[in-house]
Amino acid sequence: MGRAPISGGGIPYFSLDVHLDTNMRLIEAEFGLKGFAIVVKLWQFIYGQGYYCEWTNDVELLFSSSELKLAPGDNSVSEIVKACIKRGIFDKRLYETYGILTSRGIQKRYFKVTGRRQEVEVNSEYLLVNPADNAVDVSNKAINVNNKAINVNNNPPKVKESKVKESKVNVCVNKNKGLQEKSTHAFGKYNNVILSETEYRIFMNHYCQYGAAVIDELSTKIMLEKEKYNGSHAIWLEIFAKHYTPPKKTKQDSCSPPSFDIELAMQRSRELDPEETKKVKK
């Protein structure tokens, strides 16, 4: 069976050491096999996006319910992430400064896998390693595919630093609410469903068959009764999705998570026609 397609900067696989280091053994000793499994799921979640992932209260909640199917009130993920940061499995400084989960090991493995890509986009503030130093050296080597020799360019991939300043993730620390993400984008029919890049990806990955329809439905509800839908729109989407009845189909088609296009999201925000909102009447 082939691997599921990965969009954007993610990678379809990563290496896992046979012998765990001391920090991972301590996580397993403290939380059992559940701790090991959740850390591996977190690695899958990170590598599916790139070399880091945003980690806020809402992202944690969606990850727990959508990716792990944990019951409401189960704080296993929160406790395990805290332990991972304490033991250095995730970098403490980058988590506290930018609200992201990553590590030197994660980045080394990511840039080795992406070593043959022509271009890899990075945010220099999130880097713990030099991408060029960790790219696979394939000089003077050839890959034989279907009896056809392919010469692999031995030049390391070009590292392109992100120029989209609006998409930079900033976080602030609040003693009551924890890390809260400030960088968000507008979605939905009326561009009023506010989500972060990670919240959008998690939701569309879990509800890829009808996620866009649910977002549009919430968008219309917000237009009609804005005051009623205060708070996290990511949580409202989960509620709407649980009660959404998708159209009947004769065959359930598989789908892949859509990529997140920051430029498109920003363009939609700028180009939204204010007159369009008048079409919706109470």
C-alpha atoms as a PDB file:
ATOM      1  CA  MET A   1       0.000   0.000   0.000  1.00  0.00           C
ATOM      2  CA  GLY A   2       1.371   3.412  -0.957  1.00  0.00           C
ATOM      3  CA  ARG A   3       1.851   6.249   1.452  1.00  0.00           C
ATOM      4  CA  ALA A   4      -0.841   8.874   1.825  1.00  0.00           C
ATOM      5  CA  PRO A   5       0.031  12.074  -0.054  1.00  0.00           C
ATOM      6  CA  ILE A   6       1.467  14.908   2.024  1.00  0.00           C
ATOM      7  CA  SER A   7       0.806  18.511   1.049  1.00  0.00           C
ATOM      8  CA  GLY A   8       2.814  21.649   1.708  1.00  0.00           C
ATOM      9  CA  GLY A   9       6.158  21.297   3.497  1.00  0.00           C
ATOM     10  CA  GLY A  10       5.386  17.992   5.215  1.00  0.00           C
ATOM     11  CA  ILE A  11       7.188  14.692   4.693  1.00  0.00           C
ATOM     12  CA  PRO A  12       5.567  11.241   4.232  1.00  0.00           C
ATOM     13  CA  TYR A  13       7.835   9.321   6.634  1.00  0.00           C
ATOM     14  CA  PHE A  14      10.455   9.714   9.359  1.00  0.00           C
ATOM     15  CA  SER A  15      12.988   7.455  11.047  1.00  0.00           C
ATOM     16  CA  LEU A  16      12.419   6.037  14.536  1.00  0.00           C
ATOM     17  CA  ASP A  17      15.376   4.679  16.507  1.00  0.00           C
ATOM     18  CA  VAL A  18      15.192   1.076  17.669  1.00  0.00           C
ATOM     19  CA  HIS A  19      16.818   1.957  20.989  1.00  0.00           C
ATOM     20  CA  LEU A  20      15.111   4.846  22.771  1.00  0.00           C
ATOM     21  CA  ASP A  21      17.204   7.501  24.458  1.00  0.00           C
ATOM     22  CA  THR A  22      16.986   8.133  28.192  1.00  0.00           C
ATOM     23  CA  ASN A  23      14.422  10.924  27.880  1.00  0.00           C
ATOM     24  CA  MET A  24      11.973   8.770  25.915  1.00  0.00           C
ATOM     25  CA  ARG A  25      12.465   5.860  28.333  1.00  0.00           C
ATOM     26  CA  LEU A  26      11.606   8.214  31.192  1.00  0.00           C
ATOM     27  CA  ILE A  27       8.421   9.311  29.392  1.00  0.00           C
ATOM     28  CA  GLU A  28       7.445   5.647  28.957  1.00  0.00           C
ATOM     29  CA  ALA A  29       8.317   4.914  32.592  1.00  0.00           C
ATOM     30  CA  GLU A  30       6.140   7.800  33.773  1.00  0.00           C
ATOM     31  CA  PHE A  31       3.149   7.407  31.436  1.00  0.00           C
ATOM     32  CA  GLY A  32       3.435   3.834  30.189  1.00  0.00           C
ATOM     33  CA  LEU A  33       2.908   2.820  26.560  1.00  0.00           C
ATOM     34  CA  LYS A  34       0.290   5.571  26.275  1.00  0.00           C
ATOM     35  CA  GLY A  35       3.059   8.141  26.734  1.00  0.00           C
ATOM     36  CA  PHE A  36       5.191   6.528  24.036  1.00  0.00           C
ATOM     37  CA  ALA A  37       2.244   6.342  21.633  1.00  0.00           C
ATOM     38  CA  ILE A  38       1.252   9.985  22.128  1.00  0.00           C
ATOM     39  CA  VAL A  39       4.813  11.225  21.550  1.00  0.00           C
ATOM     40  CA  VAL A  40       4.994   9.241  18.299  1.00  0.00           C
ATOM     41  CA  LYS A  41       1.596  10.661  17.242  1.00  0.00           C
ATOM     42  CA  LEU A  42       2.931  14.150  17.983  1.00  0.00           C
ATOM     43  CA  TRP A  43       5.963  13.460  15.800  1.00  0.00           C
ATOM     44  CA  GLN A  44       3.657  12.303  12.997  1.00  0.00           C
ATOM     45  CA  PHE A  45       1.583  15.451  13.436  1.00  0.00           C
ATOM     46  CA  ILE A  46       4.697  17.666  13.271  1.00  0.00           C
ATOM     47  CA  TYR A  47       6.310  15.932  10.290  1.00  0.00           C
ATOM     48  CA  GLY A  48       3.009  16.048   8.408  1.00  0.00           C
ATOM     49  CA  GLN A  49       3.363  19.843   8.435  1.00  0.00           C
ATOM     50  CA  GLY A  50       7.134  20.285   8.339  1.00  0.00           C
ATOM     51  CA  TYR A  51       9.746  20.645  11.065  1.00  0.00           C
ATOM     52  CA  TYR A  52       7.533  22.227  13.742  1.00  0.00           C
ATOM     53  CA  CYS A  53       3.890  22.676  14.669  1.00  0.00           C
ATOM     54  CA  GLU A  54       2.043  25.464  16.444  1.00  0.00           C
ATOM     55  CA  TRP A  55       0.832  24.397  19.879  1.00  0.00           C
ATOM     56  CA  THR A  56      -1.934  26.367  21.578  1.00  0.00           C
ATOM     57  CA  ASN A  57      -4.770  25.360  23.881  1.00  0.00           C
ATOM     58  CA  ASP A  58      -7.156  24.983  20.924  1.00  0.00           C
ATOM     59  CA  VAL A  59      -4.682  22.957  18.866  1.00  0.00           C
ATOM     60  CA  GLU A  60      -4.104  20.674  21.853  1.00  0.00           C
ATOM     61  CA  LEU A  61      -7.854  20.173  22.294  1.00  0.00           C
ATOM     62  CA  LEU A  62      -8.397  19.366  18.611  1.00  0.00           C
ATOM     63  CA  PHE A  63      -5.377  17.051  18.545  1.00  0.00           C
ATOM     64  CA  SER A  64      -6.694  15.156  21.578  1.00  0.00           C
ATOM     65  CA  SER A  65     -10.204  14.726  20.165  1.00  0.00           C
ATOM     66  CA  SER A  66      -9.552  14.387  16.418  1.00  0.00           C
ATOM     67  CA  GLU A  67      -6.192  12.618  16.253  1.00  0.00           C
ATOM     68  CA  LEU A  68      -6.335  10.514  19.437  1.00  0.00           C
ATOM     69  CA  LYS A  69     -10.103  10.227  20.054  1.00  0.00           C
ATOM     70  CA  LEU A  70      -9.582  10.953  23.751  1.00  0.00           C
ATOM     71  CA  ALA A  71     -12.612  11.558  25.935  1.00  0.00           C
ATOM     72  CA  PRO A  72     -13.423  15.146  26.983  1.00  0.00           C
ATOM     73  CA  GLY A  73     -11.526  16.068  30.120  1.00  0.00           C
ATOM     74  CA  ASP A  74      -8.642  13.667  29.424  1.00  0.00           C
ATOM     75  CA  ASN A  75      -5.511  15.753  30.063  1.00  0.00           C
ATOM     76  CA  SER A  76      -3.030  13.094  28.967  1.00  0.00           C
ATOM     77  CA  VAL A  77      -1.696  15.117  26.030  1.00  0.00           C
ATOM     78  CA  SER A  78      -1.162  18.235  28.127  1.00  0.00           C
ATOM     79  CA  GLU A  79       0.740  16.344  30.821  1.00  0.00           C
ATOM     80  CA  ILE A  80       2.863  14.422  28.323  1.00  0.00           C
ATOM     81  CA  VAL A  81       3.765  17.560  26.333  1.00  0.00           C
ATOM     82  CA  LYS A  82       4.818  19.297  29.561  1.00  0.00           C
ATOM     83  CA  ALA A  83       6.988  16.302  30.454  1.00  0.00           C
ATOM     84  CA  CYS A  84       8.505  16.258  26.944  1.00  0.00           C
ATOM     85  CA  ILE A  85       9.422  19.948  27.218  1.00  0.00           C
ATOM     86  CA  LYS A  86      10.876  19.386  30.684  1.00  0.00           C
ATOM     87  CA  ARG A  87      13.027  16.498  29.440  1.00  0.00           C
ATOM     88  CA  GLY A  88      14.154  18.235  26.239  1.00  0.00           C
ATOM     89  CA  ILE A  89      12.222  16.106  23.774  1.00  0.00           C
ATOM     90  CA  PHE A  90      10.730  19.397  22.569  1.00  0.00           C
ATOM     91  CA  ASP A  91      12.709  22.632  22.726  1.00  0.00           C
ATOM     92  CA  LYS A  92      11.669  24.688  25.752  1.00  0.00           C
ATOM     93  CA  ARG A  93      12.865  28.076  24.474  1.00  0.00           C
ATOM     94  CA  LEU A  94      10.998  27.889  21.164  1.00  0.00           C
ATOM     95  CA  TYR A  95       7.857  26.670  22.901  1.00  0.00           C
ATOM     96  CA  GLU A  96       7.884  29.496  25.434  1.00  0.00           C
ATOM     97  CA  THR A  97       8.832  32.147  22.860  1.00  0.00           C
ATOM     98  CA  TYR A  98       6.787  31.153  19.802  1.00  0.00           C
ATOM     99  CA  GLY A  99       4.357  28.491  21.022  1.00  0.00           C
ATOM    100  CA  ILE A 100       5.720  25.749  18.732  1.00  0.00           C
ATOM    101  CA  LEU A 101       6.840  22.151  19.217  1.00  0.00           C
ATOM    102  CA  THR A 102      10.136  21.167  17.591  1.00  0.00           C
ATOM    103  CA  SER A 103      13.622  19.946  18.488  1.00  0.00           C
ATOM    104  CA  ARG A 104      17.105  19.545  17.049  1.00  0.00           C
ATOM    105  CA  GLY A 105      16.416  15.871  16.335  1.00  0.00           C
ATOM    106  CA  ILE A 106      13.141  16.634  14.559  1.00  0.00           C
ATOM    107  CA  GLN A 107      14.812  19.262  12.390  1.00  0.00           C
ATOM    108  CA  LYS A 108      17.820  17.075  11.560  1.00  0.00           C
ATOM    109  CA  ARG A 109      15.590  14.235  10.365  1.00  0.00           C
ATOM    110  CA  TYR A 110      13.313  16.621   8.449  1.00  0.00           C
ATOM    111  CA  PHE A 111      16.143  18.279   6.507  1.00  0.00           C
ATOM    112  CA  LYS A 112      17.700  14.904   5.710  1.00  0.00           C
ATOM    113  CA  VAL A 113      14.434  13.728   4.151  1.00  0.00           C
ATOM    114  CA  THR A 114      13.974  17.000   2.231  1.00  0.00           C
ATOM    115  CA  GLY A 115      17.634  17.082   1.125  1.00  0.00           C
ATOM    116  CA  ARG A 116      16.774  16.456  -2.526  1.00  0.00           C
ATOM    117  CA  ARG A 117      14.119  19.143  -2.761  1.00  0.00           C
ATOM    118  CA  GLN A 118      15.007  22.105  -4.918  1.00  0.00           C
ATOM    119  CA  GLU A 119      13.778  24.542  -2.309  1.00  0.00           C
ATOM    120  CA  VAL A 120      12.797  24.329   1.357  1.00  0.00           C
ATOM    121  CA  GLU A 121      11.040  27.269   3.006  1.00  0.00           C
ATOM    122  CA  VAL A 122      12.021  27.960   6.601  1.00  0.00           C
ATOM    123  CA  ASN A 123      11.613  30.539   9.321  1.00  0.00           C
ATOM    124  CA  SER A 124      15.115  31.302  10.590  1.00  0.00           C
ATOM    125  CA  GLU A 125      13.829  32.160  14.076  1.00  0.00           C
ATOM    126  CA  TYR A 126      12.605  28.581  14.514  1.00  0.00           C
ATOM    127  CA  LEU A 127      15.820  26.865  13.399  1.00  0.00           C
ATOM    128  CA  LEU A 128      17.970  24.856  15.801  1.00  0.00           C
ATOM    129  CA  VAL A 129      20.207  23.373  13.074  1.00  0.00           C
ATOM    130  CA  ASN A 130      21.708  24.464   9.773  1.00  0.00           C
ATOM    131  CA  PRO A 131      19.475  22.947   7.041  1.00  0.00           C
ATOM    132  CA  ALA A 132      22.325  22.735   4.522  1.00  0.00           C
ATOM    133  CA  ASP A 133      24.529  20.806   6.985  1.00  0.00           C
ATOM    134  CA  ASN A 134      21.814  18.190   7.513  1.00  0.00           C
ATOM    135  CA  ALA A 135      20.863  17.598   3.869  1.00  0.00           C
ATOM    136  CA  VAL A 136      21.749  14.153   2.510  1.00  0.00           C
ATOM    137  CA  ASP A 137      24.935  14.150   0.453  1.00  0.00           C
ATOM    138  CA  VAL A 138      24.071  12.385  -2.802  1.00  0.00           C
ATOM    139  CA  SER A 139      27.111  13.514  -4.778  1.00  0.00           C
ATOM    140  CA  ASN A 140      28.272  11.202  -7.548  1.00  0.00           C
ATOM    141  CA  LYS A 141      25.438   8.803  -6.914  1.00  0.00           C
ATOM    142  CA  ALA A 142      22.711   7.603  -9.249  1.00  0.00           C
ATOM    143  CA  ILE A 143      19.310   6.053  -8.633  1.00  0.00           C
ATOM    144  CA  ASN A 144      18.177   3.270 -10.931  1.00  0.00           C
ATOM    145  CA  VAL A 145      14.409   3.455 -11.493  1.00  0.00           C
ATOM    146  CA  ASN A 146      12.807   1.054 -13.998  1.00  0.00           C
ATOM    147  CA  ASN A 147      16.250   0.440 -15.535  1.00  0.00           C
ATOM    148  CA  LYS A 148      16.712   4.171 -16.151  1.00  0.00           C
ATOM    149  CA  ALA A 149      19.673   5.878 -14.495  1.00  0.00           C
ATOM    150  CA  ILE A 150      18.821   9.173 -12.845  1.00  0.00           C
ATOM    151  CA  ASN A 151      21.683  11.431 -11.856  1.00  0.00           C
ATOM    152  CA  VAL A 152      20.868  13.153  -8.605  1.00  0.00           C
ATOM    153  CA  ASN A 153      21.951  16.754  -8.265  1.00  0.00           C
ATOM    154  CA  ASN A 154      24.328  16.930  -5.337  1.00  0.00           C
ATOM    155  CA  ASN A 155      23.663  20.574  -4.570  1.00  0.00           C
ATOM    156  CA  PRO A 156      21.967  21.086  -1.211  1.00  0.00           C
ATOM    157  CA  PRO A 157      18.425  22.448  -1.394  1.00  0.00           C
ATOM    158  CA  LYS A 158      17.963  26.180  -1.450  1.00  0.00           C
ATOM    159  CA  VAL A 159      16.746  27.367   1.897  1.00  0.00           C
ATOM    160  CA  LYS A 160      14.100  29.999   1.380  1.00  0.00           C
ATOM    161  CA  GLU A 161      13.236  32.078   4.391  1.00  0.00           C
ATOM    162  CA  SER A 162       9.562  32.910   4.591  1.00  0.00           C
ATOM    163  CA  LYS A 163       8.774  36.447   3.423  1.00  0.00           C
ATOM    164  CA  VAL A 164       5.161  36.427   4.546  1.00  0.00           C
ATOM    165  CA  LYS A 165       5.511  38.563   7.645  1.00  0.00           C
ATOM    166  CA  GLU A 166       1.780  38.412   8.351  1.00  0.00           C
ATOM    167  CA  SER A 167       1.965  34.664   8.796  1.00  0.00           C
ATOM    168  CA  LYS A 168       4.584  34.789  11.544  1.00  0.00           C
ATOM    169  CA  VAL A 169       3.276  33.173  14.696  1.00  0.00           C
ATOM    170  CA  ASN A 170       3.434  35.346  17.791  1.00  0.00           C
ATOM    171  CA  VAL A 171       2.238  34.208  21.187  1.00  0.00           C
ATOM    172  CA  CYS A 172       1.721  35.778  24.558  1.00  0.00           C
ATOM    173  CA  VAL A 173       1.704  34.137  27.976  1.00  0.00           C
ATOM    174  CA  ASN A 174      -1.439  34.442  30.042  1.00  0.00           C
ATOM    175  CA  LYS A 175      -1.471  32.788  33.465  1.00  0.00           C
ATOM    176  CA  ASN A 176      -5.105  31.773  33.143  1.00  0.00           C
ATOM    177  CA  LYS A 177      -5.276  30.845  29.461  1.00  0.00           C
ATOM    178  CA  GLY A 178      -1.746  29.664  28.725  1.00  0.00           C
ATOM    179  CA  LEU A 179      -0.229  30.177  25.290  1.00  0.00           C
ATOM    180  CA  GLN A 180      -2.604  31.902  22.909  1.00  0.00           C
ATOM    181  CA  GLU A 181      -1.871  32.264  19.225  1.00  0.00           C
ATOM    182  CA  LYS A 182      -2.226  35.706  17.659  1.00  0.00           C
ATOM    183  CA  SER A 183      -1.718  34.878  13.974  1.00  0.00           C
ATOM    184  CA  THR A 184      -5.052  33.858  12.425  1.00  0.00           C
ATOM    185  CA  HIS A 185      -6.802  33.850   9.050  1.00  0.00           C
ATOM    186  CA  ALA A 186     -10.387  34.241   7.893  1.00  0.00           C
ATOM    187  CA  PHE A 187     -12.296  31.378   6.247  1.00  0.00           C
ATOM    188  CA  GLY A 188     -15.823  30.551   5.184  1.00  0.00           C
ATOM    189  CA  LYS A 189     -18.380  31.982   2.783  1.00  0.00           C
ATOM    190  CA  TYR A 190     -18.228  35.391   4.459  1.00  0.00           C
ATOM    191  CA  ASN A 191     -14.591  35.287   5.620  1.00  0.00           C
ATOM    192  CA  ASN A 192     -15.582  35.442   9.280  1.00  0.00           C
ATOM    193  CA  VAL A 193     -14.527  32.033  10.606  1.00  0.00           C
ATOM    194  CA  ILE A 194     -11.245  32.803  12.349  1.00  0.00           C
ATOM    195  CA  LEU A 195      -8.724  29.939  12.531  1.00  0.00           C
ATOM    196  CA  SER A 196      -4.994  29.475  12.727  1.00  0.00           C
ATOM    197  CA  GLU A 197      -3.172  27.498  10.048  1.00  0.00           C
ATOM    198  CA  THR A 198      -2.870  24.492  12.356  1.00  0.00           C
ATOM    199  CA  GLU A 199      -6.516  24.592  13.461  1.00  0.00           C
ATOM    200  CA  TYR A 200      -7.579  24.634   9.789  1.00  0.00           C
ATOM    201  CA  ARG A 201      -5.326  21.708   8.905  1.00  0.00           C
ATOM    202  CA  ILE A 202      -6.485  19.579  11.834  1.00  0.00           C
ATOM    203  CA  PHE A 203     -10.156  20.203  11.087  1.00  0.00           C
ATOM    204  CA  MET A 204      -9.907  19.599   7.334  1.00  0.00           C
ATOM    205  CA  ASN A 205      -7.788  16.497   7.878  1.00  0.00           C
ATOM    206  CA  HIS A 206     -10.428  14.981  10.178  1.00  0.00           C
ATOM    207  CA  TYR A 207     -13.502  16.145   8.237  1.00  0.00           C
ATOM    208  CA  CYS A 208     -12.016  16.297   4.756  1.00  0.00           C
ATOM    209  CA  GLN A 209     -15.186  14.911   3.110  1.00  0.00           C
ATOM    210  CA  TYR A 210     -17.365  17.822   4.183  1.00  0.00           C
ATOM    211  CA  GLY A 211     -15.151  20.183   6.208  1.00  0.00           C
ATOM    212  CA  ALA A 212     -15.563  23.082   3.766  1.00  0.00           C
ATOM    213  CA  ALA A 213     -19.360  22.785   3.948  1.00  0.00           C
ATOM    214  CA  VAL A 214     -19.265  22.904   7.753  1.00  0.00           C
ATOM    215  CA  ILE A 215     -17.031  26.000   7.679  1.00  0.00           C
ATOM    216  CA  ASP A 216     -19.478  27.709   5.295  1.00  0.00           C
ATOM    217  CA  GLU A 217     -22.401  26.754   7.530  1.00  0.00           C
ATOM    218  CA  LEU A 218     -20.716  28.311  10.583  1.00  0.00           C
ATOM    219  CA  SER A 219     -19.808  31.352   8.490  1.00  0.00           C
ATOM    220  CA  THR A 220     -23.482  31.912   7.661  1.00  0.00           C
ATOM    221  CA  LYS A 221     -24.520  31.446  11.294  1.00  0.00           C
ATOM    222  CA  ILE A 222     -21.963  34.029  12.404  1.00  0.00           C
ATOM    223  CA  MET A 223     -23.340  36.501   9.861  1.00  0.00           C
ATOM    224  CA  LEU A 224     -26.834  36.033  11.266  1.00  0.00           C
ATOM    225  CA  GLU A 225     -26.043  35.842  14.971  1.00  0.00           C
ATOM    226  CA  LYS A 226     -22.504  37.069  15.563  1.00  0.00           C
ATOM    227  CA  GLU A 227     -22.943  37.553  19.320  1.00  0.00           C
ATOM    228  CA  LYS A 228     -23.962  33.920  19.773  1.00  0.00           C
ATOM    229  CA  TYR A 229     -20.715  32.512  18.371  1.00  0.00           C
ATOM    230  CA  ASN A 230     -18.114  34.215  20.525  1.00  0.00           C
ATOM    231  CA  GLY A 231     -15.022  32.333  21.612  1.00  0.00           C
ATOM    232  CA  SER A 232     -12.974  29.831  19.643  1.00  0.00           C
ATOM    233  CA  HIS A 233     -14.353  29.180  16.166  1.00  0.00           C
ATOM    234  CA  ALA A 234     -12.331  25.955  16.089  1.00  0.00           C
ATOM    235  CA  ILE A 235     -14.436  24.624  18.959  1.00  0.00           C
ATOM    236  CA  TRP A 236     -17.666  25.750  17.262  1.00  0.00           C
ATOM    237  CA  LEU A 237     -16.600  23.896  14.107  1.00  0.00           C
ATOM    238  CA  GLU A 238     -16.166  20.690  16.114  1.00  0.00           C
ATOM    239  CA  ILE A 239     -19.675  21.126  17.523  1.00  0.00           C
ATOM    240  CA  PHE A 240     -21.168  21.806  14.071  1.00  0.00           C
ATOM    241  CA  ALA A 241     -19.304  18.860  12.531  1.00  0.00           C
ATOM    242  CA  LYS A 242     -20.628  16.442  15.174  1.00  0.00           C
ATOM    243  CA  HIS A 243     -24.198  17.322  14.183  1.00  0.00           C
ATOM    244  CA  TYR A 244     -23.644  17.748  10.447  1.00  0.00           C
ATOM    245  CA  THR A 245     -25.355  15.286   8.127  1.00  0.00           C
ATOM    246  CA  PRO A 246     -23.350  14.978   4.895  1.00  0.00           C
ATOM    247  CA  PRO A 247     -25.147  14.318   1.587  1.00  0.00           C
ATOM    248  CA  LYS A 248     -25.627  10.645   0.826  1.00  0.00           C
ATOM    249  CA  LYS A 249     -23.147   9.152  -1.607  1.00  0.00           C
ATOM    250  CA  THR A 250     -23.195   5.848  -3.422  1.00  0.00           C
ATOM    251  CA  LYS A 251     -19.469   5.490  -2.882  1.00  0.00           C
ATOM    252  CA  GLN A 252     -17.341   6.964  -0.124  1.00  0.00           C
ATOM    253  CA  ASP A 253     -14.384   8.528  -1.845  1.00  0.00           C
ATOM    254  CA  SER A 254     -11.074   8.871  -0.057  1.00  0.00           C
ATOM    255  CA  CYS A 255      -9.613  12.307   0.278  1.00  0.00           C
ATOM    256  CA  SER A 256      -6.370  13.932   1.255  1.00  0.00           C
ATOM    257  CA  PRO A 257      -6.019  16.914   3.576  1.00  0.00           C
ATOM    258  CA  PRO A 258      -5.967  20.157   1.571  1.00  0.00           C
ATOM    259  CA  SER A 259      -2.921  22.354   1.767  1.00  0.00           C
ATOM    260  CA  PHE A 260      -3.112  25.654   3.589  1.00  0.00           C
ATOM    261  CA  ASP A 261      -2.429  28.609   1.295  1.00  0.00           C
ATOM    262  CA  ILE A 262      -1.570  31.681   3.371  1.00  0.00           C
ATOM    263  CA  GLU A 263      -1.394  33.941   0.323  1.00  0.00           C
ATOM    264  CA  LEU A 264      -4.875  32.829  -0.776  1.00  0.00           C
ATOM    265  CA  ALA A 265      -6.320  33.344   2.695  1.00  0.00           C
ATOM    266  CA  MET A 266      -4.886  36.855   2.882  1.00  0.00           C
ATOM    267  CA  GLN A 267      -6.073  37.643  -0.648  1.00  0.00           C
ATOM    268  CA  ARG A 268      -9.597  36.488   0.178  1.00  0.00           C
ATOM    269  CA  SER A 269      -9.596  38.729   3.239  1.00  0.00           C
ATOM    270  CA  ARG A 270      -8.594  41.740   1.138  1.00  0.00           C
ATOM    271  CA  GLU A 271     -10.938  41.057  -1.766  1.00  0.00           C
ATOM    272  CA  LEU A 272     -14.120  40.229   0.168  1.00  0.00           C
ATOM    273  CA  ASP A 273     -16.927  42.452  -1.133  1.00  0.00           C
ATOM    274  CA  PRO A 274     -18.731  44.130   1.808  1.00  0.00           C
ATOM    275  CA  GLU A 275     -21.928  44.288  -0.277  1.00  0.00           C
ATOM    276  CA  GLU A 276     -22.044  40.489  -0.345  1.00  0.00           C
ATOM    277  CA  THR A 277     -22.892  40.366   3.339  1.00  0.00           C
ATOM    278  CA  LYS A 278     -26.135  42.246   2.666  1.00  0.00           C
ATOM    279  CA  LYS A 279     -27.460  39.237   0.765  1.00  0.00           C
ATOM    280  CA  VAL A 280     -27.947  37.381   4.031  1.00  0.00           C
ATOM    281  CA  LYS A 281     -31.118  38.472   5.775  1.00  0.00           C
ATOM    282  CA  LYS A 282     -32.237  37.652   9.238  1.00  0.00           C
END
